[in-house]
Amino acid sequence: RGKHLLFLNPDVVIDPDAIEVFLAEAENDPQAGLMAGRLRYQDGQFQPTCRNFPTIPNMLFSRGSFLKYLFASKDYRHYLYTLPDFKETTPVPAVAAAMVLIRRDRFEKIGRFDERYFLYMEDTDLSLRLDQAGHENLYVPTAGGVHLWGQGSNAGKFLRHFRHHLSIWHYFLKH
């Protein structure tokens, strides 16, 4: 019934003031698309939350790819998939929806999450559709939480990677 929707993975422990920060940012920028908070690992280290839209090159050089180690002496920053931490609220192409806020009417109008994605990439797909509709997705570093990555699912690492790769292929086929 509310004006805004908060999507939160079951393995995220949200900071006490994060919702208020999100709501203030939503009032400050009524045209915002998805607003993502600054996620941290349990040890407090930054967890990449924002990304560029996927391309073949940035997927080949993304985190965990052996190619970035083979070509470490080359300047491949323009191929990066994940984006760094920002100090201020910053427009970004796409966000991970482990912790995001969006206006309910915008979410309904844009078409919600595409249910054809079993897991992964549904947030990037939604980010792209919002971008195409003229909305800016925002990284809001003052709204945060601890993401206990992978603890919200009992699926093993191999199965998570397999599903992620399937979703990437679905994304490329769709877009």
C-alpha atoms as a PDB file:
ATOM      1  CA  ARG A   1       0.000   0.000   0.000  1.00  0.00           C
ATOM      2  CA  GLY A   2       2.986   2.300   0.341  1.00  0.00           C
ATOM      3  CA  LYS A   3       4.376   4.795  -2.116  1.00  0.00           C
ATOM      4  CA  HIS A   4       7.743   2.987  -2.246  1.00  0.00           C
ATOM      5  CA  LEU A   5       8.882  -0.633  -2.388  1.00  0.00           C
ATOM      6  CA  LEU A   6      11.959  -1.932  -0.608  1.00  0.00           C
ATOM      7  CA  PHE A   7      13.461  -5.135  -1.967  1.00  0.00           C
ATOM      8  CA  LEU A   8      15.784  -6.842   0.479  1.00  0.00           C
ATOM      9  CA  ASN A   9      17.533 -10.190   0.177  1.00  0.00           C
ATOM     10  CA  PRO A  10      17.056 -12.464   3.190  1.00  0.00           C
ATOM     11  CA  ASP A  11      20.828 -12.415   3.778  1.00  0.00           C
ATOM     12  CA  VAL A  12      21.075  -8.622   4.193  1.00  0.00           C
ATOM     13  CA  VAL A  13      21.188  -6.969   7.613  1.00  0.00           C
ATOM     14  CA  ILE A  14      20.093  -3.412   6.911  1.00  0.00           C
ATOM     15  CA  ASP A  15      21.583  -0.430   8.788  1.00  0.00           C
ATOM     16  CA  PRO A  16      19.095   1.202  11.204  1.00  0.00           C
ATOM     17  CA  ASP A  17      18.753   4.464   9.254  1.00  0.00           C
ATOM     18  CA  ALA A  18      18.916   3.054   5.709  1.00  0.00           C
ATOM     19  CA  ILE A  19      15.195   3.223   4.952  1.00  0.00           C
ATOM     20  CA  GLU A  20      14.957   6.848   6.081  1.00  0.00           C
ATOM     21  CA  VAL A  21      17.991   7.707   3.938  1.00  0.00           C
ATOM     22  CA  PHE A  22      16.402   5.983   0.922  1.00  0.00           C
ATOM     23  CA  LEU A  23      13.099   7.792   1.422  1.00  0.00           C
ATOM     24  CA  ALA A  24      14.820  11.172   1.735  1.00  0.00           C
ATOM     25  CA  GLU A  25      16.762  10.476  -1.466  1.00  0.00           C
ATOM     26  CA  ALA A  26      13.527   9.436  -3.227  1.00  0.00           C
ATOM     27  CA  GLU A  27      11.956  12.759  -2.259  1.00  0.00           C
ATOM     28  CA  ASN A  28      15.096  14.598  -3.394  1.00  0.00           C
ATOM     29  CA  ASP A  29      15.046  12.894  -6.824  1.00  0.00           C
ATOM     30  CA  PRO A  30      11.477  11.947  -7.785  1.00  0.00           C
ATOM     31  CA  GLN A  31      12.645  10.671 -11.214  1.00  0.00           C
ATOM     32  CA  ALA A  32      15.049   8.089  -9.756  1.00  0.00           C
ATOM     33  CA  GLY A  33      14.841   4.497 -10.914  1.00  0.00           C
ATOM     34  CA  LEU A  34      16.256   1.838  -8.611  1.00  0.00           C
ATOM     35  CA  MET A  35      18.178   3.169  -5.615  1.00  0.00           C
ATOM     36  CA  ALA A  36      20.797   0.804  -4.219  1.00  0.00           C
ATOM     37  CA  GLY A  37      22.519   1.104  -0.880  1.00  0.00           C
ATOM     38  CA  ARG A  38      26.163   0.522  -0.023  1.00  0.00           C
ATOM     39  CA  LEU A  39      26.580  -3.146   0.856  1.00  0.00           C
ATOM     40  CA  ARG A  40      29.417  -4.482   2.978  1.00  0.00           C
ATOM     41  CA  TYR A  41      30.805  -7.927   3.717  1.00  0.00           C
ATOM     42  CA  GLN A  42      30.716  -9.098   7.333  1.00  0.00           C
ATOM     43  CA  ASP A  43      34.235  -7.750   7.874  1.00  0.00           C
ATOM     44  CA  GLY A  44      33.090  -4.253   6.824  1.00  0.00           C
ATOM     45  CA  GLN A  45      34.771  -4.281   3.407  1.00  0.00           C
ATOM     46  CA  PHE A  46      32.879  -2.730   0.491  1.00  0.00           C
ATOM     47  CA  GLN A  47      30.853  -5.162  -1.599  1.00  0.00           C
ATOM     48  CA  PRO A  48      30.403  -4.035  -5.223  1.00  0.00           C
ATOM     49  CA  THR A  49      26.753  -3.092  -5.693  1.00  0.00           C
ATOM     50  CA  CYS A  50      26.790  -1.171  -8.981  1.00  0.00           C
ATOM     51  CA  ARG A  51      27.763  -2.230 -12.438  1.00  0.00           C
ATOM     52  CA  ASN A  52      27.850  -1.314 -16.058  1.00  0.00           C
ATOM     53  CA  PHE A  53      25.398  -3.013 -18.352  1.00  0.00           C
ATOM     54  CA  PRO A  54      26.818  -6.354 -19.489  1.00  0.00           C
ATOM     55  CA  THR A  55      28.755  -6.566 -22.711  1.00  0.00           C
ATOM     56  CA  ILE A  56      30.833  -9.436 -24.042  1.00  0.00           C
ATOM     57  CA  PRO A  57      34.135  -7.631 -23.197  1.00  0.00           C
ATOM     58  CA  ASN A  58      33.166  -6.648 -19.642  1.00  0.00           C
ATOM     59  CA  MET A  59      31.890 -10.169 -18.950  1.00  0.00           C
ATOM     60  CA  LEU A  60      35.207 -11.611 -20.154  1.00  0.00           C
ATOM     61  CA  PHE A  61      37.141  -9.284 -17.828  1.00  0.00           C
ATOM     62  CA  SER A  62      34.713  -9.274 -14.896  1.00  0.00           C
ATOM     63  CA  ARG A  63      35.533 -10.301 -11.347  1.00  0.00           C
ATOM     64  CA  GLY A  64      36.674 -13.875 -11.131  1.00  0.00           C
ATOM     65  CA  SER A  65      37.724 -14.018 -14.785  1.00  0.00           C
ATOM     66  CA  PHE A  66      41.167 -15.475 -15.427  1.00  0.00           C
ATOM     67  CA  LEU A  67      41.513 -13.181 -18.477  1.00  0.00           C
ATOM     68  CA  LYS A  68      41.999 -10.100 -16.336  1.00  0.00           C
ATOM     69  CA  TYR A  69      45.024 -11.797 -14.770  1.00  0.00           C
ATOM     70  CA  LEU A  70      46.472 -12.817 -18.143  1.00  0.00           C
ATOM     71  CA  PHE A  71      46.250  -9.241 -19.380  1.00  0.00           C
ATOM     72  CA  ALA A  72      47.019  -7.506 -16.070  1.00  0.00           C
ATOM     73  CA  SER A  73      49.586  -5.218 -17.711  1.00  0.00           C
ATOM     74  CA  LYS A  74      46.967  -3.932 -20.180  1.00  0.00           C
ATOM     75  CA  ASP A  75      44.600  -1.078 -19.381  1.00  0.00           C
ATOM     76  CA  TYR A  76      41.233  -2.812 -19.374  1.00  0.00           C
ATOM     77  CA  ARG A  77      39.362  -0.443 -17.018  1.00  0.00           C
ATOM     78  CA  HIS A  78      36.945   0.408 -19.834  1.00  0.00           C
ATOM     79  CA  TYR A  79      35.958  -3.283 -19.812  1.00  0.00           C
ATOM     80  CA  LEU A  80      35.008  -3.323 -16.141  1.00  0.00           C
ATOM     81  CA  TYR A  81      31.645  -4.740 -15.184  1.00  0.00           C
ATOM     82  CA  THR A  82      31.495  -3.844 -11.495  1.00  0.00           C
ATOM     83  CA  LEU A  83      31.918  -0.236 -10.419  1.00  0.00           C
ATOM     84  CA  PRO A  84      33.869   1.134  -7.442  1.00  0.00           C
ATOM     85  CA  ASP A  85      32.554   2.635  -4.242  1.00  0.00           C
ATOM     86  CA  PHE A  86      31.429   6.262  -4.526  1.00  0.00           C
ATOM     87  CA  LYS A  87      31.397   8.804  -1.684  1.00  0.00           C
ATOM     88  CA  GLU A  88      28.185  10.553  -2.764  1.00  0.00           C
ATOM     89  CA  THR A  89      24.893   9.558  -4.335  1.00  0.00           C
ATOM     90  CA  THR A  90      25.841   8.749  -7.921  1.00  0.00           C
ATOM     91  CA  PRO A  91      23.901   7.797 -11.060  1.00  0.00           C
ATOM     92  CA  VAL A  92      25.002   4.344 -12.250  1.00  0.00           C
ATOM     93  CA  PRO A  93      23.883   2.140 -15.135  1.00  0.00           C
ATOM     94  CA  ALA A  94      22.754  -0.878 -13.116  1.00  0.00           C
ATOM     95  CA  VAL A  95      22.484  -2.008  -9.507  1.00  0.00           C
ATOM     96  CA  ALA A  96      22.333  -5.268  -7.620  1.00  0.00           C
ATOM     97  CA  ALA A  97      18.892  -5.605  -6.047  1.00  0.00           C
ATOM     98  CA  ALA A  98      20.038  -7.170  -2.785  1.00  0.00           C
ATOM     99  CA  MET A  99      18.844  -3.924  -1.172  1.00  0.00           C
ATOM    100  CA  VAL A 100      16.981  -1.417  -3.357  1.00  0.00           C
ATOM    101  CA  LEU A 101      14.150   1.063  -3.109  1.00  0.00           C
ATOM    102  CA  ILE A 102      11.864   2.132  -5.963  1.00  0.00           C
ATOM    103  CA  ARG A 103       8.637   4.085  -6.270  1.00  0.00           C
ATOM    104  CA  ARG A 104       5.733   1.657  -6.475  1.00  0.00           C
ATOM    105  CA  ASP A 105       4.073   3.404  -9.442  1.00  0.00           C
ATOM    106  CA  ARG A 106       7.350   3.364 -11.392  1.00  0.00           C
ATOM    107  CA  PHE A 107       7.876  -0.343 -10.666  1.00  0.00           C
ATOM    108  CA  GLU A 108       4.343  -1.159 -11.819  1.00  0.00           C
ATOM    109  CA  LYS A 109       4.612   1.006 -14.953  1.00  0.00           C
ATOM    110  CA  ILE A 110       8.003  -0.339 -16.055  1.00  0.00           C
ATOM    111  CA  GLY A 111       6.837  -3.936 -15.810  1.00  0.00           C
ATOM    112  CA  ARG A 112       8.248  -5.286 -12.539  1.00  0.00           C
ATOM    113  CA  PHE A 113      10.984  -7.924 -12.417  1.00  0.00           C
ATOM    114  CA  ASP A 114      11.021 -10.267 -15.401  1.00  0.00           C
ATOM    115  CA  GLU A 115       9.979 -13.613 -13.904  1.00  0.00           C
ATOM    116  CA  ARG A 116      11.765 -15.527 -16.664  1.00  0.00           C
ATOM    117  CA  TYR A 117      14.989 -14.999 -14.715  1.00  0.00           C
ATOM    118  CA  PHE A 118      15.192 -17.709 -12.084  1.00  0.00           C
ATOM    119  CA  LEU A 119      17.946 -15.948 -10.165  1.00  0.00           C
ATOM    120  CA  TYR A 120      20.428 -13.216 -11.040  1.00  0.00           C
ATOM    121  CA  MET A 121      20.320 -10.522 -13.722  1.00  0.00           C
ATOM    122  CA  GLU A 122      16.649  -9.677 -13.087  1.00  0.00           C
ATOM    123  CA  ASP A 123      17.942  -6.531 -11.374  1.00  0.00           C
ATOM    124  CA  THR A 124      20.170  -5.624 -14.324  1.00  0.00           C
ATOM    125  CA  ASP A 125      17.274  -6.205 -16.707  1.00  0.00           C
ATOM    126  CA  LEU A 126      15.056  -3.916 -14.617  1.00  0.00           C
ATOM    127  CA  SER A 127      17.857  -1.337 -14.398  1.00  0.00           C
ATOM    128  CA  LEU A 128      18.132  -1.339 -18.191  1.00  0.00           C
ATOM    129  CA  ARG A 129      14.389  -0.918 -18.701  1.00  0.00           C
ATOM    130  CA  LEU A 130      14.349   1.984 -16.221  1.00  0.00           C
ATOM    131  CA  ASP A 131      17.322   3.561 -18.005  1.00  0.00           C
ATOM    132  CA  GLN A 132      15.590   3.181 -21.378  1.00  0.00           C
ATOM    133  CA  ALA A 133      12.510   4.893 -19.912  1.00  0.00           C
ATOM    134  CA  GLY A 134      14.635   7.913 -18.909  1.00  0.00           C
ATOM    135  CA  HIS A 135      15.185   7.174 -15.205  1.00  0.00           C
ATOM    136  CA  GLU A 136      18.553   7.246 -13.461  1.00  0.00           C
ATOM    137  CA  ASN A 137      19.464   4.347 -11.221  1.00  0.00           C
ATOM    138  CA  LEU A 138      21.254   5.634  -8.154  1.00  0.00           C
ATOM    139  CA  TYR A 139      23.895   4.356  -5.795  1.00  0.00           C
ATOM    140  CA  VAL A 140      23.165   5.791  -2.341  1.00  0.00           C
ATOM    141  CA  PRO A 141      26.225   5.096  -0.162  1.00  0.00           C
ATOM    142  CA  THR A 142      24.684   6.573   2.986  1.00  0.00           C
ATOM    143  CA  ALA A 143      22.018   3.838   2.974  1.00  0.00           C
ATOM    144  CA  GLY A 144      23.723   0.572   3.744  1.00  0.00           C
ATOM    145  CA  GLY A 145      23.757  -2.902   5.106  1.00  0.00           C
ATOM    146  CA  VAL A 146      25.773  -6.060   5.582  1.00  0.00           C
ATOM    147  CA  HIS A 147      25.229  -8.652   2.852  1.00  0.00           C
ATOM    148  CA  LEU A 148      25.985 -12.167   4.021  1.00  0.00           C
ATOM    149  CA  TRP A 149      26.520 -13.164   0.395  1.00  0.00           C
ATOM    150  CA  GLY A 150      25.244 -16.640  -0.433  1.00  0.00           C
ATOM    151  CA  GLN A 151      23.741 -17.329   2.985  1.00  0.00           C
ATOM    152  CA  GLY A 152      20.203 -16.618   1.761  1.00  0.00           C
ATOM    153  CA  SER A 153      20.256 -19.806  -0.316  1.00  0.00           C
ATOM    154  CA  ASN A 154      21.216 -23.374   0.397  1.00  0.00           C
ATOM    155  CA  ALA A 155      22.383 -23.809  -3.217  1.00  0.00           C
ATOM    156  CA  GLY A 156      26.069 -24.629  -3.509  1.00  0.00           C
ATOM    157  CA  LYS A 157      28.625 -22.387  -5.176  1.00  0.00           C
ATOM    158  CA  PHE A 158      28.617 -24.413  -8.414  1.00  0.00           C
ATOM    159  CA  LEU A 159      24.827 -24.226  -8.737  1.00  0.00           C
ATOM    160  CA  ARG A 160      24.835 -20.469  -8.031  1.00  0.00           C
ATOM    161  CA  HIS A 161      27.503 -19.911 -10.716  1.00  0.00           C
ATOM    162  CA  PHE A 162      25.619 -22.125 -13.168  1.00  0.00           C
ATOM    163  CA  ARG A 163      22.355 -20.206 -12.617  1.00  0.00           C
ATOM    164  CA  HIS A 164      24.196 -16.896 -12.907  1.00  0.00           C
ATOM    165  CA  HIS A 165      25.687 -17.910 -16.262  1.00  0.00           C
ATOM    166  CA  LEU A 166      22.275 -19.049 -17.527  1.00  0.00           C
ATOM    167  CA  SER A 167      20.796 -15.702 -16.527  1.00  0.00           C
ATOM    168  CA  ILE A 168      23.568 -13.818 -18.317  1.00  0.00           C
ATOM    169  CA  TRP A 169      22.813 -15.761 -21.496  1.00  0.00           C
ATOM    170  CA  HIS A 170      19.098 -15.015 -21.060  1.00  0.00           C
ATOM    171  CA  TYR A 171      19.944 -11.312 -20.660  1.00  0.00           C
ATOM    172  CA  PHE A 172      22.026 -11.284 -23.848  1.00  0.00           C
ATOM    173  CA  LEU A 173      19.345 -13.122 -25.783  1.00  0.00           C
ATOM    174  CA  LYS A 174      16.693 -10.684 -24.553  1.00  0.00           C
ATOM    175  CA  HIS A 175      18.671  -7.485 -25.086  1.00  0.00           C
END
